[in-house]
Amino acid sequence: MFLSLLSISALCASLGTVLAVGALVLEMRGRLHSKGRAYLLAVGLGSAMLAFRAFMVREPSFLILEAIKTLAAFSAVLLPRRSFITELLQDVEAL
C-alpha cells in the first residue's frame, strides 16, 4: 500500500509541475493573465499536488511553500480583491 501511495504522489508531482510551470509559461507568453481564473486555478491545483508529494516524502519546507502557494492561489479565486479605483468610484457614487 505504501509503495502505491508513493507512486500516486510521484504522478501527482509530475502533473502538478506540468500545471504550475505550464501556467507560468503561458503567462509569460501572454496567453494567460497572472490574476486570471485559469492561471490561478492551474497554479493552485499544481501546488496542491506538489504539496501532497512533499507530505508523502517528508519534505516540510517544500510542503510549507506549496501549501502557501495553494492557499494564496485559491483564495485569490474565491475572494477576489476589489481594486482601489473600483472602491473609490463606489464611494463617490454613494455621495
Foldseek 3Di string as FASTA:
>chain_A
DLVVLLVVLVVLQVQLCCLLVVLVVCCVVVNDPCLDLSSLVSNLSSLVSPLSNCVSVVPVVSNVVSVVSNVVSVCCVVPPDDDPVVVVVVVVVVD
